[in-house]
C-alpha atoms as a PDB file:
ATOM      1  CA  UNK A   1      12.230 -43.313 -28.907  1.00  0.00           C
ATOM      2  CA  UNK A   2       8.828 -42.824 -27.195  1.00  0.00           C
ATOM      3  CA  UNK A   3       8.484 -43.577 -23.521  1.00  0.00           C
ATOM      4  CA  UNK A   4       5.469 -43.760 -21.135  1.00  0.00           C
ATOM      5  CA  UNK A   5       4.987 -41.210 -18.465  1.00  0.00           C
ATOM      6  CA  UNK A   6       5.773 -43.964 -15.929  1.00  0.00           C
ATOM      7  CA  UNK A   7       9.155 -44.710 -17.616  1.00  0.00           C
ATOM      8  CA  UNK A   8      10.037 -41.035 -17.701  1.00  0.00           C
ATOM      9  CA  UNK A   9       9.159 -40.466 -14.056  1.00  0.00           C
ATOM     10  CA  UNK A  10      11.187 -43.515 -12.922  1.00  0.00           C
ATOM     11  CA  UNK A  11      14.159 -42.516 -15.131  1.00  0.00           C
ATOM     12  CA  UNK A  12      14.210 -39.132 -13.423  1.00  0.00           C
ATOM     13  CA  UNK A  13      13.933 -40.649 -10.038  1.00  0.00           C
ATOM     14  CA  UNK A  14      10.872 -38.751  -9.057  1.00  0.00           C
ATOM     15  CA  UNK A  15       8.279 -40.023  -6.579  1.00  0.00           C
ATOM     16  CA  UNK A  16       4.655 -40.570  -7.740  1.00  0.00           C
ATOM     17  CA  UNK A  17       3.403 -38.521  -4.771  1.00  0.00           C
ATOM     18  CA  UNK A  18       5.547 -35.518  -5.799  1.00  0.00           C
ATOM     19  CA  UNK A  19       4.190 -35.467  -9.339  1.00  0.00           C
ATOM     20  CA  UNK A  20       0.560 -36.013  -8.228  1.00  0.00           C
ATOM     21  CA  UNK A  21       0.851 -32.996  -5.876  1.00  0.00           C
ATOM     22  CA  UNK A  22       2.662 -30.981  -8.470  1.00  0.00           C
ATOM     23  CA  UNK A  23      -0.169 -31.405 -11.029  1.00  0.00           C
ATOM     24  CA  UNK A  24      -2.949 -31.273  -8.457  1.00  0.00           C
ATOM     25  CA  UNK A  25      -4.471 -34.738  -8.642  1.00  0.00           C
ATOM     26  CA  UNK A  26      -4.771 -37.711  -6.228  1.00  0.00           C
ATOM     27  CA  UNK A  27      -1.921 -40.204  -6.057  1.00  0.00           C
ATOM     28  CA  UNK A  28      -4.238 -43.128  -6.981  1.00  0.00           C
ATOM     29  CA  UNK A  29      -5.485 -41.310 -10.090  1.00  0.00           C
ATOM     30  CA  UNK A  30      -1.972 -40.645 -11.378  1.00  0.00           C
ATOM     31  CA  UNK A  31      -1.071 -44.263 -10.616  1.00  0.00           C
ATOM     32  CA  UNK A  32      -4.001 -45.424 -12.660  1.00  0.00           C
ATOM     33  CA  UNK A  33      -3.033 -43.231 -15.517  1.00  0.00           C
ATOM     34  CA  UNK A  34       0.551 -44.475 -15.378  1.00  0.00           C
ATOM     35  CA  UNK A  35      -0.546 -48.098 -15.263  1.00  0.00           C
ATOM     36  CA  UNK A  36      -3.074 -47.569 -18.079  1.00  0.00           C
ATOM     37  CA  UNK A  37      -6.030 -48.708 -15.904  1.00  0.00           C
ATOM     38  CA  UNK A  38      -7.615 -45.282 -16.308  1.00  0.00           C
ATOM     39  CA  UNK A  39      -7.949 -43.061 -19.386  1.00  0.00           C
ATOM     40  CA  UNK A  40      -5.688 -40.021 -19.078  1.00  0.00           C
ATOM     41  CA  UNK A  41      -7.376 -36.711 -19.947  1.00  0.00           C
ATOM     42  CA  UNK A  42      -5.418 -34.540 -22.421  1.00  0.00           C
ATOM     43  CA  UNK A  43      -5.221 -31.800 -19.793  1.00  0.00           C
ATOM     44  CA  UNK A  44      -3.285 -34.140 -17.488  1.00  0.00           C
ATOM     45  CA  UNK A  45      -1.025 -35.242 -20.285  1.00  0.00           C
ATOM     46  CA  UNK A  46      -0.250 -31.597 -21.034  1.00  0.00           C
ATOM     47  CA  UNK A  47       0.552 -30.934 -17.374  1.00  0.00           C
ATOM     48  CA  UNK A  48       2.866 -33.920 -17.197  1.00  0.00           C
ATOM     49  CA  UNK A  49       4.666 -32.842 -20.335  1.00  0.00           C
ATOM     50  CA  UNK A  50       5.273 -29.418 -18.735  1.00  0.00           C
ATOM     51  CA  UNK A  51       6.544 -30.941 -15.485  1.00  0.00           C
ATOM     52  CA  UNK A  52       8.869 -33.380 -17.377  1.00  0.00           C
ATOM     53  CA  UNK A  53       9.878 -30.664 -19.868  1.00  0.00           C
ATOM     54  CA  UNK A  54       8.751 -32.715 -22.860  1.00  0.00           C
ATOM     55  CA  UNK A  55       8.221 -30.632 -26.010  1.00  0.00           C
ATOM     56  CA  UNK A  56       5.998 -32.975 -28.027  1.00  0.00           C
ATOM     57  CA  UNK A  57       3.496 -35.798 -27.583  1.00  0.00           C
ATOM     58  CA  UNK A  58       5.548 -37.600 -30.178  1.00  0.00           C
ATOM     59  CA  UNK A  59       7.981 -38.447 -27.433  1.00  0.00           C
ATOM     60  CA  UNK A  60       5.185 -40.116 -25.364  1.00  0.00           C
ATOM     61  CA  UNK A  61       3.906 -43.677 -25.753  1.00  0.00           C
ATOM     62  CA  UNK A  62       0.232 -43.825 -24.732  1.00  0.00           C
END
């Protein structure tokens, strides 16, 4: 079943600030991507997949 990056982060109990710092972007940008108020670049999606250890975009609901 596909999940959003927000659902994945919450299920792992990870703070938004930690992930934003880990991938090198501002907290408000990551929040916008998670809330779908901003279009997420592929480069950010790839970084998030690496951080969350997700092997395929098929597991992500955009």
